């Protein structure tokens, strides 16, 4: 049976946090994280949701409190936490959003900038609409203020804006439920078995549509005791899925591990940490590897290689 969560996961997360600086040097630039470099600063986990509309400034299609286009130099503030527009249950713990923003009806060439309310306005643009252009969508990732708001700035002219939320980021919670390094080291030392494996592999692999394909040649490991096992695989990769996102996850003994799935929209390059708990892992030989599949019928590919690290902690109690 495959499960996720619990004391052991908190323990191993704390342990990896304690050695994170070393792992970052060993595994490559960027460090270990559960989200890619485009996520809001400090965010640790991405939660994909069914897309919902949080704003539409067009009078005939109004969603949210604003029913007029953004004017020249206007900053419009949008609330995300809770229930807003047609979106519901965005948690107060959300620190950022994955958005699809569409601009339409621009009266002058302009640009839109989107950022967390209360933070300095970035110099970069999120969208560049021009008059006569059909509705122009763009994927935008933005942070949120402490009360769950983000701002939209329009440079000049007037333009209608439509915004859909397709996921949110939550911050890692460093509260007293987490253990300090001395406690973690003592607990790990008391585990039935701890296995650390570094493995150098360079092996590009193509993904077929909607078919779980492993991207690495499996890493073999052997446990001398059976019990609940925390398994984590840190892997560098480049992901390409044509116009859609992809899921990637930890695979143990040929089976995806519940709770280890991470969704990436579009593509990207980076280091991924996939972890999960396998209940009643038997003593003996096993394999672990990274799996992935494109979300739609489009084809895609993972290009993987470099150094990956496998970590296994077994509790026979």
Protein backbone atom coordinates (compact mmCIF):
# COMPACT_ATOMS: atom_id res chain seq x y z
CA UNK A 1 0.00 0.00 0.00
CA UNK A 2 1.29 3.44 -0.89
CA UNK A 3 0.67 6.37 1.45
CA UNK A 4 1.86 9.92 2.07
CA UNK A 5 2.29 12.17 5.12
CA UNK A 6 2.97 11.42 8.78
CA UNK A 7 5.76 11.78 11.32
CA UNK A 8 8.45 10.17 9.21
CA UNK A 9 7.87 12.57 6.30
CA UNK A 10 8.22 15.53 8.68
CA UNK A 11 11.39 13.94 9.99
CA UNK A 12 13.01 13.40 6.62
CA UNK A 13 12.03 16.86 5.38
CA UNK A 14 13.75 18.30 8.42
CA UNK A 15 16.82 16.15 7.77
CA UNK A 16 17.06 17.25 4.15
CA UNK A 17 16.56 20.85 5.19
CA UNK A 18 19.53 20.46 7.53
CA UNK A 19 21.77 19.17 4.73
CA UNK A 20 20.25 21.34 2.01
CA UNK A 21 23.32 23.52 1.55
CA UNK A 22 25.53 20.50 0.93
CA UNK A 23 22.99 18.94 -1.42
CA UNK A 24 22.77 22.15 -3.43
CA UNK A 25 26.51 22.01 -4.06
CA UNK A 26 26.51 18.29 -4.77
CA UNK A 27 23.47 18.24 -7.05
CA UNK A 28 23.91 21.46 -8.99
CA UNK A 29 22.94 25.11 -8.95
CA UNK A 30 19.47 26.07 -7.81
CA UNK A 31 19.25 23.86 -4.73
CA UNK A 32 16.59 21.35 -3.85
CA UNK A 33 12.97 22.41 -4.21
CA UNK A 34 9.49 21.19 -5.12
CA UNK A 35 8.73 23.97 -7.56
CA UNK A 36 10.58 25.50 -10.49
CA UNK A 37 12.49 28.77 -10.60
CA UNK A 38 9.46 30.67 -11.88
CA UNK A 39 7.52 30.17 -8.65
CA UNK A 40 7.13 33.03 -6.15
CA UNK A 41 10.05 33.58 -3.80
CA UNK A 42 9.84 31.27 -0.79
CA UNK A 43 7.05 29.09 -2.17
CA UNK A 44 7.55 25.40 -1.53
CA UNK A 45 4.58 23.55 -3.03
CA UNK A 46 2.41 24.04 -6.11
CA UNK A 47 -1.25 22.94 -5.97
CA UNK A 48 -2.99 22.56 -9.33
CA UNK A 49 -6.74 23.35 -9.43
CA UNK A 50 -9.49 23.32 -12.05
CA UNK A 51 -9.09 26.72 -13.77
CA UNK A 52 -11.52 29.34 -12.44
CA UNK A 53 -12.14 32.97 -13.41
CA UNK A 54 -11.17 35.50 -10.77
CA UNK A 55 -11.74 38.66 -12.84
CA UNK A 56 -13.20 39.89 -16.12
CA UNK A 57 -13.50 43.66 -16.59
CA UNK A 58 -15.70 43.44 -19.71
CA UNK A 59 -19.14 44.88 -18.78
CA UNK A 60 -21.07 42.12 -20.56
CA UNK A 61 -19.03 39.37 -18.88
CA UNK A 62 -18.19 40.98 -15.54
CA UNK A 63 -16.47 38.76 -12.99
CA UNK A 64 -15.28 40.41 -9.81
CA UNK A 65 -15.99 43.97 -8.65
CA UNK A 66 -14.62 45.85 -11.69
CA UNK A 67 -16.72 46.20 -14.86
CA UNK A 68 -14.73 48.83 -16.78
CA UNK A 69 -11.41 48.60 -18.66
CA UNK A 70 -8.18 49.54 -16.93
CA UNK A 71 -7.36 53.17 -17.70
CA UNK A 72 -3.99 54.83 -18.35
CA UNK A 73 -1.64 54.40 -15.41
CA UNK A 74 -4.30 52.56 -13.43
CA UNK A 75 -3.44 49.89 -10.86
CA UNK A 76 -6.25 47.42 -10.17
CA UNK A 77 -6.03 45.24 -7.05
CA UNK A 78 -7.41 41.69 -7.17
CA UNK A 79 -8.18 39.56 -4.10
CA UNK A 80 -7.49 35.82 -4.31
CA UNK A 81 -7.76 34.25 -0.84
CA UNK A 82 -11.13 32.64 -0.12
CA UNK A 83 -14.00 33.07 -2.59
CA UNK A 84 -13.56 35.72 -5.31
CA UNK A 85 -15.17 35.92 -8.72
CA UNK A 86 -15.86 32.34 -9.76
CA UNK A 87 -12.98 30.97 -7.69
CA UNK A 88 -13.60 29.35 -4.33
CA UNK A 89 -11.53 28.04 -1.45
CA UNK A 90 -8.15 29.54 -2.35
CA UNK A 91 -6.51 29.03 1.06
CA UNK A 92 -5.16 31.82 3.24
CA UNK A 93 -1.81 29.97 3.15
CA UNK A 94 -1.44 30.63 -0.61
CA UNK A 95 1.59 32.84 -1.24
CA UNK A 96 1.40 32.95 -5.03
CA UNK A 97 -0.74 32.12 -8.04
CA UNK A 98 -0.36 30.52 -11.44
CA UNK A 99 -2.58 32.61 -13.73
CA UNK A 100 -3.73 32.78 -17.31
CA UNK A 101 -4.18 36.49 -18.10
CA UNK A 102 -5.92 37.67 -21.28
CA UNK A 103 -5.98 41.26 -22.58
CA UNK A 104 -8.55 42.46 -25.10
CA UNK A 105 -9.79 45.72 -26.63
CA UNK A 106 -6.64 47.78 -26.12
CA UNK A 107 -7.09 51.38 -27.36
CA UNK A 108 -3.32 52.02 -27.53
CA UNK A 109 -0.18 49.87 -27.54
CA UNK A 110 0.44 49.19 -23.87
CA UNK A 111 1.76 46.70 -21.38
CA UNK A 112 0.41 45.10 -18.21
CA UNK A 113 2.48 44.32 -15.14
CA UNK A 114 1.27 41.91 -12.45
CA UNK A 115 2.85 41.57 -9.00
CA UNK A 116 2.08 41.07 -5.30
CA UNK A 117 0.22 43.97 -3.70
CA UNK A 118 2.46 45.99 -1.41
CA UNK A 119 5.69 44.90 -3.13
CA UNK A 120 7.71 47.18 -5.43
CA UNK A 121 6.35 47.22 -8.96
CA UNK A 122 8.64 45.22 -11.31
CA UNK A 123 10.11 46.85 -14.40
CA UNK A 124 9.12 43.91 -16.60
CA UNK A 125 5.81 43.47 -18.42
CA UNK A 126 3.49 40.50 -18.07
CA UNK A 127 1.49 41.16 -21.26
CA UNK A 128 1.87 43.53 -24.27
CA UNK A 129 -1.52 44.12 -25.95
CA UNK A 130 -1.97 46.36 -29.03
CA UNK A 131 -5.10 47.72 -30.75
CA UNK A 132 -6.84 45.35 -33.16
CA UNK A 133 -5.14 42.32 -31.67
CA UNK A 134 -7.37 39.33 -30.88
CA UNK A 135 -7.69 38.41 -27.18
CA UNK A 136 -4.10 37.78 -26.06
CA UNK A 137 -3.53 35.23 -23.28
CA UNK A 138 -0.32 34.70 -21.34
CA UNK A 139 0.76 32.45 -18.47
CA UNK A 140 1.73 34.59 -15.46
CA UNK A 141 3.08 33.60 -12.05
CA UNK A 142 2.69 36.17 -9.30
CA UNK A 143 3.23 36.38 -5.59
CA UNK A 144 0.47 37.45 -3.21
CA UNK A 145 0.46 39.92 -0.34
CA UNK A 146 -0.12 38.63 3.20
CA UNK A 147 -3.87 39.18 2.76
CA UNK A 148 -3.91 37.43 -0.61
CA UNK A 149 -3.92 40.24 -3.18
CA UNK A 150 -2.08 41.07 -6.40
CA UNK A 151 -1.98 44.22 -8.57
CA UNK A 152 -2.40 44.78 -12.31
CA UNK A 153 -0.88 47.93 -13.86
CA UNK A 154 -1.81 49.32 -17.31
CA UNK A 155 0.62 51.76 -18.91
CA UNK A 156 -1.59 53.73 -21.31
CA UNK A 157 -4.93 53.76 -23.08
CA UNK A 158 -7.68 51.44 -21.95
CA UNK A 159 -7.76 47.65 -21.97
CA UNK A 160 -10.00 44.90 -20.61
CA UNK A 161 -8.38 42.14 -18.57
CA UNK A 162 -9.52 38.57 -17.94
CA UNK A 163 -7.83 36.45 -15.29
CA UNK A 164 -8.07 32.72 -14.58
CA UNK A 165 -6.39 30.89 -11.69
CA UNK A 166 -5.09 27.40 -12.50
CA UNK A 167 -3.11 26.78 -9.31
CA UNK A 168 -1.54 28.31 -6.24
CA UNK A 169 1.68 28.10 -4.26
CA UNK A 170 1.92 27.56 -0.52
CA UNK A 171 4.83 28.53 1.70
CA UNK A 172 6.85 26.04 3.71
CA UNK A 173 5.82 26.23 7.39
CA UNK A 174 8.80 26.38 9.73
CA UNK A 175 6.83 26.14 12.97
CA UNK A 176 7.38 24.05 16.09
CA UNK A 177 6.09 20.91 14.40
CA UNK A 178 9.52 20.64 12.75
CA UNK A 179 12.55 19.23 14.51
CA UNK A 180 15.93 20.89 14.96
CA UNK A 181 19.07 19.29 13.56
CA UNK A 182 20.15 17.58 16.84
CA UNK A 183 16.70 16.01 17.24
CA UNK A 184 16.61 14.96 13.60
CA UNK A 185 20.09 13.43 13.70
CA UNK A 186 19.16 11.48 16.82
CA UNK A 187 15.92 10.24 15.24
CA UNK A 188 17.61 9.26 11.98
CA UNK A 189 20.32 7.48 13.95
CA UNK A 190 17.56 5.50 15.66
CA UNK A 191 15.96 4.41 12.36
CA UNK A 192 16.19 0.77 11.40
CA UNK A 193 18.09 1.52 8.21
CA UNK A 194 19.30 4.58 6.29
CA UNK A 195 20.49 4.35 2.67
CA UNK A 196 22.13 7.17 0.66
CA UNK A 197 23.01 6.58 -2.99
CA UNK A 198 24.58 8.92 -5.56
CA UNK A 199 24.29 7.74 -9.14
CA UNK A 200 25.71 9.33 -12.31
CA UNK A 201 23.43 8.82 -15.31
CA UNK A 202 23.08 10.57 -18.69
CA UNK A 203 20.15 9.10 -20.57
CA UNK A 204 17.67 11.17 -22.66
CA UNK A 205 14.22 9.53 -22.82
CA UNK A 206 11.14 10.53 -24.83
CA UNK A 207 7.66 10.52 -23.33
CA UNK A 208 4.71 9.04 -25.20
CA UNK A 209 1.34 10.79 -24.78
CA UNK A 210 -0.41 9.88 -21.51
CA UNK A 211 1.85 6.88 -20.92
CA UNK A 212 3.91 6.82 -17.72
CA UNK A 213 7.51 6.48 -18.89
CA UNK A 214 10.44 6.42 -16.49
CA UNK A 215 13.09 8.94 -17.34
CA UNK A 216 16.03 7.31 -15.60
CA UNK A 217 17.49 3.88 -15.70
CA UNK A 218 16.25 2.61 -12.32
CA UNK A 219 18.51 2.98 -9.30
CA UNK A 220 18.78 -0.30 -7.46
CA UNK A 221 18.87 -0.44 -3.67
CA UNK A 222 18.57 -3.20 -1.09
CA UNK A 223 16.95 -3.06 2.32
CA UNK A 224 17.94 -5.53 5.02
CA UNK A 225 14.75 -4.91 7.02
CA UNK A 226 11.12 -4.36 6.03
CA UNK A 227 8.85 -1.58 7.22
CA UNK A 228 7.63 1.92 6.44
CA UNK A 229 10.08 3.58 4.05
CA UNK A 230 10.58 7.23 3.23
CA UNK A 231 12.05 7.48 -0.27
CA UNK A 232 13.30 10.63 -1.95
CA UNK A 233 14.92 11.10 -5.35
CA UNK A 234 16.63 14.36 -6.35
CA UNK A 235 16.96 14.55 -10.13
CA UNK A 236 18.06 17.21 -12.66
CA UNK A 237 16.03 17.29 -15.88
CA UNK A 238 14.76 19.31 -18.85
CA UNK A 239 11.03 18.94 -19.56
CA UNK A 240 9.25 19.71 -22.81
CA UNK A 241 5.54 19.08 -23.40
CA UNK A 242 3.94 20.62 -26.45
CA UNK A 243 1.55 23.40 -25.29
CA UNK A 244 0.54 21.50 -22.16
CA UNK A 245 1.86 20.63 -18.75
CA UNK A 246 3.26 17.40 -17.45
CA UNK A 247 3.22 15.36 -14.27
CA UNK A 248 6.42 13.88 -12.87
CA UNK A 249 6.68 11.64 -9.86
CA UNK A 250 8.62 9.06 -7.92
CA UNK A 251 8.35 5.46 -9.12
CA UNK A 252 9.30 2.59 -6.77
CA UNK A 253 9.38 -0.99 -8.03
CA UNK A 254 7.56 0.13 -11.18
CA UNK A 255 4.65 1.81 -9.35
CA UNK A 256 4.05 5.59 -8.95
CA UNK A 257 4.16 6.65 -5.30
CA UNK A 258 1.07 8.46 -4.03
CA UNK A 259 1.73 12.04 -2.97
CA UNK A 260 4.95 12.40 -4.98
CA UNK A 261 3.37 13.95 -8.09
CA UNK A 262 4.46 17.44 -9.18
CA UNK A 263 2.76 19.36 -12.01
CA UNK A 264 4.73 21.64 -14.34
CA UNK A 265 2.99 23.82 -16.92
CA UNK A 266 4.80 24.23 -20.23
CA UNK A 267 8.40 23.19 -19.75
CA UNK A 268 11.44 23.96 -17.74
CA UNK A 269 14.89 22.99 -16.58
CA UNK A 270 15.95 22.39 -13.03
CA UNK A 271 16.42 20.10 -10.10
CA UNK A 272 13.39 18.24 -8.74
CA UNK A 273 12.88 16.59 -5.40
CA UNK A 274 10.26 13.85 -5.44
CA UNK A 275 9.43 12.09 -2.19
CA UNK A 276 6.84 9.74 -0.79
CA UNK A 277 6.22 7.07 1.81
CA UNK A 278 5.83 3.39 0.98
CA UNK A 279 4.07 1.41 3.67
CA UNK A 280 5.39 -2.10 4.32
CA UNK A 281 8.33 -2.07 1.94
CA UNK A 282 9.66 -5.62 2.11
CA UNK A 283 13.28 -6.43 2.85
CA UNK A 284 15.20 -7.15 -0.33
CA UNK A 285 16.06 -5.58 -3.68
CA UNK A 286 14.10 -2.60 -5.03
CA UNK A 287 14.29 0.09 -7.72
CA UNK A 288 13.53 3.82 -7.69
CA UNK A 289 13.31 6.21 -10.64
CA UNK A 290 11.62 9.35 -11.93
CA UNK A 291 8.43 8.96 -13.97
CA UNK A 292 6.52 11.47 -16.09
CA UNK A 293 3.73 11.96 -18.60
CA UNK A 294 2.31 14.82 -20.65
CA UNK A 295 -1.12 15.94 -19.45
CA UNK A 296 -2.85 15.86 -22.86
CA UNK A 297 -2.45 13.86 -26.05
CA UNK A 298 0.50 15.97 -27.15
CA UNK A 299 3.92 14.40 -27.22
CA UNK A 300 6.83 15.55 -25.14
CA UNK A 301 10.18 14.61 -23.74
CA UNK A 302 12.35 14.57 -20.68
CA UNK A 303 16.08 15.03 -21.14
CA UNK A 304 17.73 13.84 -17.99
CA UNK A 305 21.26 13.37 -16.80
CA UNK A 306 23.91 14.37 -14.35
CA UNK A 307 24.02 13.40 -10.70
CA UNK A 308 20.95 12.25 -8.86
CA UNK A 309 20.61 11.28 -5.21
CA UNK A 310 18.43 8.58 -3.73
CA UNK A 311 17.65 8.63 -0.01
CA UNK A 312 15.82 5.82 1.82
CA UNK A 313 14.92 5.65 5.51
CA UNK A 314 13.25 2.48 6.76
CA UNK A 315 11.42 2.22 10.07
CA UNK A 316 10.76 -1.40 11.04
CA UNK A 317 8.85 -0.47 14.23
